[in-house]
Amino acid sequence: MIKIISDSSTLYSVAGGQANNVDISPLIVTINDKSYMEYEEINSAEFIELINKGYVPKSSQPSIGGVVELQNKYEDDEIINISMADGLSGTYNSACMAKNMDRNPDRIEVINSKTLCGPHRYLVDLAVKLAEDGLSKSEIINEVNKLIETSKSFLIPKDFDFLVRGGRISSLAGKVGSMISLVPVMTLSNDGKSMMKFTAKRTYKKAIKKIIDHLAEAGVNSEYKFYISHGCNIDLAKEAENIIRGLVENVDLEIKELGPAFITQGGPSCLAIQVIKKYK
């Protein structure tokens, strides 16, 4: 058999993953000098409550021991571990180290998804479906790798301070941005290793329209899946949905809530807009 494993960048809890035939290693968040496995020991609303009390959060990759434990559940199976983007986290490297600790590492393939959140989940769910359809490990890897290159991600943070703490922008740029009330948009680099500035607009509507215009120029259409993920601000996500539905004909779109690990980077009320080409 072929088993699919991943991490909570997919926005799956352990139980949510199991319900969809995926084994999940939770990312770790630390706040108020205490560490938690996201979704398992703390949810997004509880996490934001601590942030609002003034505590500064940090995030880190799943433990190598936890990944090894997942591998050991399926000692006689082939395993595909689809990891969140290498460079944004040590998760991919941890997965590679766990693979090399296995008694038969050749049975395990670690894939760098070069993405996170919505498109990451899409790739994982697709791998599960292809495995259930009887495709071989190499065939599944080939199909997943083809779609990885079609993913694009944008982040609209609500608070510049989280970008500054995460090293995404300088403290001076953060102060200037806050003073002039711009809506900044970050984008994931093509290699998936870093976030970089995409644009800054006066309003959310203009920021989202700029994203959609860019995607249209890149050939993104109804053959792509759209995801809006939010840091516990469903009203803002719904506003973005209405704008996108007015701009993209026959759009296939889902709204998801971000987990604590990504709220650490984008801050409460941040918004991620992502796309990935659908499997045919």
Protein backbone atom coordinates (compact mmCIF):
# COMPACT_ATOMS: atom_id res chain seq x y z
CA MET A 1 0.00 0.00 0.00
CA ILE A 2 0.90 3.66 -0.39
CA LYS A 3 0.35 5.96 2.61
CA ILE A 4 0.30 9.76 2.46
CA ILE A 5 1.65 11.78 5.38
CA SER A 6 2.07 15.53 5.78
CA ASP A 7 2.03 18.37 8.32
CA SER A 8 -0.55 20.81 9.62
CA SER A 9 0.37 23.42 7.01
CA THR A 10 -2.45 21.61 5.18
CA LEU A 11 -4.82 23.17 7.75
CA TYR A 12 -5.66 19.63 8.86
CA SER A 13 -5.74 18.60 12.48
CA VAL A 14 -4.63 15.05 13.25
CA ALA A 15 -8.26 13.91 13.38
CA GLY A 16 -9.18 15.90 10.26
CA GLY A 17 -6.33 14.34 8.37
CA GLN A 18 -7.22 10.83 9.49
CA ALA A 19 -10.80 11.36 8.30
CA ASN A 20 -9.30 12.01 4.85
CA ASN A 21 -6.72 9.17 4.99
CA VAL A 22 -3.78 11.48 5.71
CA ASP A 23 -1.49 11.25 8.76
CA ILE A 24 -0.54 14.71 10.06
CA SER A 25 2.45 15.95 12.07
CA PRO A 26 1.39 19.18 13.85
CA LEU A 27 3.48 22.32 13.60
CA ILE A 28 4.53 23.82 16.94
CA VAL A 29 3.74 27.29 18.27
CA THR A 30 5.26 28.91 21.35
CA ILE A 31 3.61 31.75 23.25
CA ASN A 32 3.88 32.96 26.85
CA ASP A 33 6.83 30.56 27.31
CA LYS A 34 4.70 27.51 26.52
CA SER A 35 4.77 25.33 23.41
CA TYR A 36 1.70 23.78 21.81
CA MET A 37 0.96 21.45 18.91
CA GLU A 38 -1.39 23.51 16.77
CA TYR A 39 -4.95 22.21 16.47
CA GLU A 40 -4.23 19.52 19.08
CA GLU A 41 -3.37 21.66 22.13
CA ILE A 42 -4.45 25.13 21.03
CA ASN A 43 -6.81 26.46 18.38
CA SER A 44 -6.64 29.72 16.44
CA ALA A 45 -9.14 31.64 18.58
CA GLU A 46 -7.34 30.68 21.82
CA PHE A 47 -4.02 31.61 20.22
CA ILE A 48 -5.24 35.04 19.14
CA GLU A 49 -6.61 35.63 22.64
CA LEU A 50 -3.07 35.20 23.99
CA ILE A 51 -1.65 37.50 21.29
CA ASN A 52 -4.22 40.14 22.25
CA LYS A 53 -2.93 39.95 25.83
CA GLY A 54 0.45 41.09 24.52
CA TYR A 55 2.32 37.80 24.22
CA VAL A 56 4.63 37.43 21.21
CA PRO A 57 4.30 34.12 19.33
CA LYS A 58 6.86 31.94 17.56
CA SER A 59 6.43 28.85 15.39
CA SER A 60 8.55 25.82 14.55
CA GLN A 61 8.44 22.59 12.59
CA PRO A 62 7.00 19.28 13.80
CA SER A 63 9.34 17.15 15.91
CA ILE A 64 11.47 14.65 13.98
CA GLY A 65 10.41 12.01 16.49
CA GLY A 66 6.77 12.63 15.62
CA VAL A 67 7.46 12.14 11.91
CA VAL A 68 9.42 8.96 12.60
CA GLU A 69 6.50 7.71 14.67
CA LEU A 70 4.15 8.21 11.71
CA GLN A 71 6.54 6.35 9.42
CA ASN A 72 6.78 3.47 11.85
CA LYS A 73 2.99 3.03 11.78
CA TYR A 74 3.35 1.77 8.22
CA GLU A 75 6.56 -0.27 8.26
CA ASP A 76 5.51 -2.45 5.33
CA ASP A 77 4.07 0.33 3.12
CA GLU A 78 5.45 2.89 0.72
CA ILE A 79 5.11 6.44 2.03
CA ILE A 80 4.84 9.83 0.35
CA ASN A 81 5.43 12.74 2.73
CA ILE A 82 4.26 16.02 1.17
CA SER A 83 5.86 18.82 3.19
CA MET A 84 5.15 22.54 3.38
CA ALA A 85 7.51 24.82 1.47
CA ASP A 86 11.18 24.41 2.26
CA GLY A 87 12.66 27.74 3.34
CA LEU A 88 9.55 28.98 5.13
CA SER A 89 10.08 26.35 7.81
CA GLY A 90 12.42 23.54 8.79
CA THR A 91 9.56 21.08 8.18
CA TYR A 92 10.95 19.74 4.90
CA ASN A 93 14.41 19.17 6.39
CA SER A 94 12.87 17.41 9.39
CA ALA A 95 10.94 15.14 7.04
CA CYS A 96 14.14 14.31 5.14
CA MET A 97 15.97 13.54 8.38
CA ALA A 98 13.12 11.30 9.53
CA LYS A 99 13.24 9.46 6.21
CA ASN A 100 16.96 8.80 6.59
CA MET A 101 16.37 7.39 10.05
CA ASP A 102 14.05 4.70 8.66
CA ARG A 103 15.30 1.13 8.35
CA ASN A 104 14.29 1.24 4.66
CA PRO A 105 14.48 4.88 3.55
CA ASP A 106 13.98 4.01 -0.13
CA ARG A 107 10.32 3.26 0.56
CA ILE A 108 9.77 6.91 1.59
CA GLU A 109 9.59 9.91 -0.76
CA VAL A 110 9.64 13.42 0.69
CA ILE A 111 8.15 16.08 -1.59
CA ASN A 112 8.76 19.80 -1.14
CA SER A 113 5.35 21.23 -2.01
CA LYS A 114 6.86 24.74 -2.42
CA THR A 115 3.56 25.99 -1.00
CA LEU A 116 1.40 25.92 2.11
CA CYS A 117 -2.18 26.01 3.38
CA GLY A 118 -4.86 25.66 0.66
CA PRO A 119 -2.72 24.43 -2.26
CA HIS A 120 -0.76 22.20 0.13
CA ARG A 121 -4.00 20.53 1.19
CA TYR A 122 -5.04 20.18 -2.44
CA LEU A 123 -1.82 18.31 -3.27
CA VAL A 124 -2.19 16.02 -0.27
CA ASP A 125 -5.84 15.24 -1.01
CA LEU A 126 -4.95 14.55 -4.64
CA ALA A 127 -2.16 12.16 -3.64
CA VAL A 128 -4.62 10.24 -1.44
CA LYS A 129 -7.12 10.00 -4.31
CA LEU A 130 -4.48 8.83 -6.78
CA ALA A 131 -3.27 6.20 -4.31
CA GLU A 132 -6.84 4.99 -3.85
CA ASP A 133 -7.21 4.86 -7.65
CA GLY A 134 -4.27 2.46 -7.78
CA LEU A 135 -1.50 4.65 -9.20
CA SER A 136 2.07 3.69 -8.30
CA LYS A 137 4.26 5.79 -6.00
CA SER A 138 6.26 7.17 -8.93
CA GLU A 139 3.09 8.01 -10.87
CA ILE A 140 1.62 9.88 -7.90
CA ILE A 141 4.87 11.79 -7.36
CA ASN A 142 4.94 12.76 -11.04
CA GLU A 143 1.38 14.13 -11.00
CA VAL A 144 1.90 16.04 -7.75
CA ASN A 145 5.16 17.57 -8.99
CA LYS A 146 3.47 18.83 -12.16
CA LEU A 147 0.89 20.77 -10.14
CA ILE A 148 3.37 22.16 -7.61
CA GLU A 149 4.71 24.60 -10.20
CA THR A 150 1.23 26.05 -10.84
CA SER A 151 0.65 27.28 -7.28
CA LYS A 152 0.76 30.97 -6.40
CA SER A 153 0.30 32.53 -2.95
CA PHE A 154 -0.36 36.04 -1.64
CA LEU A 155 -0.58 37.28 1.94
CA ILE A 156 -2.34 40.43 3.14
CA PRO A 157 -1.29 41.03 6.76
CA LYS A 158 -3.40 43.18 9.05
CA ASP A 159 -0.47 44.24 11.23
CA PHE A 160 2.98 45.20 9.93
CA ASP A 161 4.57 44.17 13.24
CA PHE A 162 4.17 40.46 12.47
CA LEU A 163 5.97 40.90 9.14
CA VAL A 164 8.75 42.83 10.86
CA ARG A 165 9.20 40.17 13.59
CA GLY A 166 9.19 37.45 10.95
CA GLY A 167 11.95 39.23 9.05
CA ARG A 168 9.72 39.79 6.02
CA ILE A 169 10.20 43.58 5.99
CA SER A 170 12.44 46.04 7.83
CA SER A 171 11.26 47.82 10.98
CA LEU A 172 11.50 51.17 9.15
CA ALA A 173 9.29 49.93 6.31
CA GLY A 174 6.83 48.64 8.89
CA LYS A 175 6.65 51.99 10.67
CA VAL A 176 6.21 53.90 7.40
CA GLY A 177 3.55 51.46 6.20
CA SER A 178 1.58 51.74 9.42
CA MET A 179 1.71 55.54 9.36
CA ILE A 180 0.27 55.83 5.85
CA SER A 181 -2.27 53.04 6.38
CA LEU A 182 -1.33 51.00 3.33
CA VAL A 183 -2.60 47.48 2.70
CA PRO A 184 0.58 45.49 1.99
CA VAL A 185 0.58 42.35 -0.14
CA MET A 186 3.34 39.77 0.10
CA THR A 187 3.85 36.96 -2.40
CA LEU A 188 5.59 33.61 -2.17
CA SER A 189 8.74 33.45 -4.30
CA ASN A 190 8.76 31.04 -7.25
CA ASP A 191 11.04 28.61 -5.41
CA GLY A 192 8.72 28.73 -2.39
CA LYS A 193 11.59 29.65 -0.06
CA SER A 194 10.61 33.16 1.00
CA MET A 195 7.92 35.83 1.08
CA MET A 196 8.59 39.05 -0.77
CA LYS A 197 6.75 42.33 -1.33
CA PHE A 198 4.23 42.27 -4.16
CA THR A 199 2.42 45.58 -3.82
CA ALA A 200 0.80 48.01 -1.38
CA LYS A 201 -2.60 49.60 -1.94
CA ARG A 202 -4.87 52.02 -0.12
CA THR A 203 -7.77 49.56 0.30
CA TYR A 204 -8.38 45.81 0.55
CA LYS A 205 -10.48 45.91 -2.60
CA LYS A 206 -7.65 47.48 -4.59
CA ALA A 207 -5.13 45.04 -3.11
CA ILE A 208 -7.26 42.02 -4.04
CA LYS A 209 -7.97 43.40 -7.52
CA LYS A 210 -4.22 43.81 -8.09
CA ILE A 211 -3.71 40.14 -7.12
CA ILE A 212 -6.48 38.96 -9.47
CA ASP A 213 -5.18 41.11 -12.35
CA HIS A 214 -1.72 39.60 -11.87
CA LEU A 215 -3.14 36.06 -11.80
CA ALA A 216 -5.16 36.71 -14.97
CA GLU A 217 -2.01 37.90 -16.74
CA ALA A 218 -0.35 34.64 -15.64
CA GLY A 219 -3.14 32.60 -17.26
CA VAL A 220 -5.03 31.68 -14.09
CA ASN A 221 -8.67 30.91 -14.91
CA SER A 222 -11.52 28.53 -14.00
CA GLU A 223 -9.11 25.59 -14.38
CA TYR A 224 -7.55 26.68 -11.07
CA LYS A 225 -8.71 26.19 -7.52
CA PHE A 226 -8.81 29.37 -5.41
CA TYR A 227 -8.37 29.42 -1.64
CA ILE A 228 -8.98 32.25 0.81
CA SER A 229 -7.54 31.53 4.25
CA HIS A 230 -8.02 33.93 7.15
CA GLY A 231 -6.67 34.57 10.63
CA CYS A 232 -10.04 34.36 12.41
CA ASN A 233 -11.73 37.11 10.39
CA ILE A 234 -14.48 35.43 8.37
CA ASP A 235 -16.08 38.79 7.45
CA LEU A 236 -12.89 39.92 5.72
CA ALA A 237 -12.63 36.54 3.97
CA LYS A 238 -16.23 36.85 2.75
CA GLU A 239 -15.50 40.37 1.48
CA ALA A 240 -12.53 39.01 -0.47
CA GLU A 241 -14.69 36.18 -1.80
CA ASN A 242 -17.29 38.60 -3.14
CA ILE A 243 -14.61 40.67 -4.88
CA ILE A 244 -12.98 37.60 -6.44
CA ARG A 245 -16.31 36.12 -7.58
CA GLY A 246 -17.03 39.41 -9.31
CA LEU A 247 -13.70 39.31 -11.13
CA VAL A 248 -13.19 35.62 -12.00
CA GLU A 249 -15.82 33.84 -14.06
CA ASN A 250 -16.94 30.39 -12.78
CA VAL A 251 -14.38 30.52 -9.96
CA ASP A 252 -13.92 27.39 -7.81
CA LEU A 253 -13.19 28.87 -4.38
CA GLU A 254 -12.99 27.65 -0.79
CA ILE A 255 -12.57 29.59 2.45
CA LYS A 256 -10.39 28.12 5.22
CA GLU A 257 -9.32 29.29 8.68
CA LEU A 258 -5.57 29.56 9.24
CA GLY A 259 -3.94 27.67 12.08
CA PRO A 260 -1.83 29.26 14.84
CA ALA A 261 1.49 28.66 13.02
CA PHE A 262 0.53 30.90 10.13
CA ILE A 263 -1.18 33.48 12.29
CA THR A 264 2.28 33.79 13.89
CA GLN A 265 3.60 35.02 10.52
CA GLY A 266 0.70 37.03 9.15
CA GLY A 267 -0.94 38.12 12.39
CA PRO A 268 -4.59 38.01 13.50
CA SER A 269 -7.03 38.92 10.69
CA CYS A 270 -4.42 38.30 7.99
CA LEU A 271 -5.70 37.01 4.66
CA ALA A 272 -4.08 34.54 2.26
CA ILE A 273 -5.21 34.26 -1.36
CA GLN A 274 -3.84 31.22 -3.20
CA VAL A 275 -4.37 29.26 -6.38
CA ILE A 276 -3.33 25.93 -7.82
CA LYS A 277 -4.22 24.29 -11.12
CA LYS A 278 -6.74 21.48 -10.77
CA TYR A 279 -5.91 17.90 -11.68
CA LYS A 280 -7.61 16.62 -14.82
